[in-house]
């Protein structure tokens, strides 16, 4: 099951804080730290994308789209879409 947005944002913040404290030699060459910072940034973007996806699914539901239609776009079963995004509407 995917992590919650809050967990993703917290993990990214913790990774950034750790990177601020780490001694460069612990991660090897300087590009090692840059790689980890890119991973932390990707986690932040993942949380933002998940929020946007939830908003768009809510909008689709508000406009009358079924869980079946949404599930086709998201690439999961109708039940999985309903469980992941909520049970409002039809």
Protein backbone atom coordinates (compact mmCIF):
# COMPACT_ATOMS: atom_id res chain seq x y z
CA UNK A 1 0.00 0.00 0.00
CA UNK A 2 1.37 3.47 -0.82
CA UNK A 3 2.66 5.67 1.95
CA UNK A 4 0.52 8.59 2.98
CA UNK A 5 1.37 12.05 1.70
CA UNK A 6 2.32 13.07 5.21
CA UNK A 7 4.71 10.12 5.51
CA UNK A 8 6.32 10.95 2.15
CA UNK A 9 6.78 14.59 3.11
CA UNK A 10 8.17 13.63 6.54
CA UNK A 11 10.61 11.14 4.99
CA UNK A 12 11.83 13.77 2.53
CA UNK A 13 12.30 16.33 5.34
CA UNK A 14 14.17 13.77 7.45
CA UNK A 15 16.41 12.87 4.50
CA UNK A 16 17.25 16.54 3.90
CA UNK A 17 18.03 17.07 7.59
CA UNK A 18 20.26 13.99 7.60
CA UNK A 19 22.07 15.17 4.49
CA UNK A 20 22.69 18.54 6.16
CA UNK A 21 24.40 16.73 9.07
CA UNK A 22 26.33 14.07 7.18
CA UNK A 23 30.06 14.29 6.69
CA UNK A 24 30.78 14.26 2.93
CA UNK A 25 33.28 11.39 3.22
CA UNK A 26 30.52 9.13 4.57
CA UNK A 27 28.73 9.20 1.20
CA UNK A 28 31.80 9.03 -0.95
CA UNK A 29 32.39 11.65 -3.64
CA UNK A 30 30.39 14.92 -3.60
CA UNK A 31 28.08 13.62 -6.31
CA UNK A 32 26.91 11.00 -3.76
CA UNK A 33 25.32 13.73 -1.65
CA UNK A 34 23.76 15.26 -4.76
CA UNK A 35 22.26 11.86 -5.63
CA UNK A 36 20.69 11.60 -2.18
CA UNK A 37 19.35 15.15 -2.40
CA UNK A 38 17.72 14.24 -5.73
CA UNK A 39 16.10 11.22 -4.08
CA UNK A 40 14.74 13.46 -1.30
CA UNK A 41 13.43 15.93 -3.88
CA UNK A 42 11.76 13.10 -5.79
CA UNK A 43 10.00 12.01 -2.60
CA UNK A 44 8.69 15.55 -2.15
CA UNK A 45 7.43 15.57 -5.74
CA UNK A 46 5.84 12.18 -5.20
CA UNK A 47 3.83 13.55 -2.28
CA UNK A 48 2.76 16.57 -4.33
CA UNK A 49 1.75 14.34 -7.24
CA UNK A 50 -0.27 12.10 -4.92
CA UNK A 51 -2.13 15.15 -3.58
CA UNK A 52 -2.89 16.31 -7.13
CA UNK A 53 -4.04 12.82 -8.13
CA UNK A 54 -6.41 12.68 -5.16
CA UNK A 55 -7.81 16.11 -6.09
CA UNK A 56 -8.32 15.07 -9.71
CA UNK A 57 -10.03 11.81 -8.72
CA UNK A 58 -12.32 13.76 -6.37
CA UNK A 59 -13.12 16.16 -9.24
CA UNK A 60 -13.85 13.25 -11.58
CA UNK A 61 -16.16 11.71 -9.01
CA UNK A 62 -17.89 15.08 -8.45
CA UNK A 63 -18.46 15.25 -12.22
CA UNK A 64 -20.18 11.86 -12.20
CA UNK A 65 -17.41 9.53 -13.37
CA UNK A 66 -17.65 5.99 -12.02
CA UNK A 67 -14.98 4.13 -10.10
CA UNK A 68 -14.77 1.83 -13.12
CA UNK A 69 -13.78 4.71 -15.43
CA UNK A 70 -11.32 6.10 -12.89
CA UNK A 71 -9.80 2.67 -12.32
CA UNK A 72 -9.06 2.33 -16.06
CA UNK A 73 -7.11 5.59 -16.05
CA UNK A 74 -5.29 4.88 -12.79
CA UNK A 75 -4.48 1.32 -13.86
CA UNK A 76 -5.95 -0.55 -10.91
CA UNK A 77 -9.15 -2.46 -10.24
CA UNK A 78 -12.37 -0.60 -9.48
CA UNK A 79 -12.22 -1.85 -5.90
CA UNK A 80 -8.59 -0.75 -5.50
CA UNK A 81 -9.42 2.73 -6.83
CA UNK A 82 -12.33 3.05 -4.42
CA UNK A 83 -10.23 1.87 -1.48
CA UNK A 84 -7.34 4.18 -2.34
CA UNK A 85 -9.28 7.35 -3.11
CA UNK A 86 -12.40 7.02 -0.99
CA UNK A 87 -15.94 5.83 -1.26
CA UNK A 88 -17.77 9.08 -1.94
CA UNK A 89 -20.37 9.21 -4.65
CA UNK A 90 -21.56 6.23 -6.71
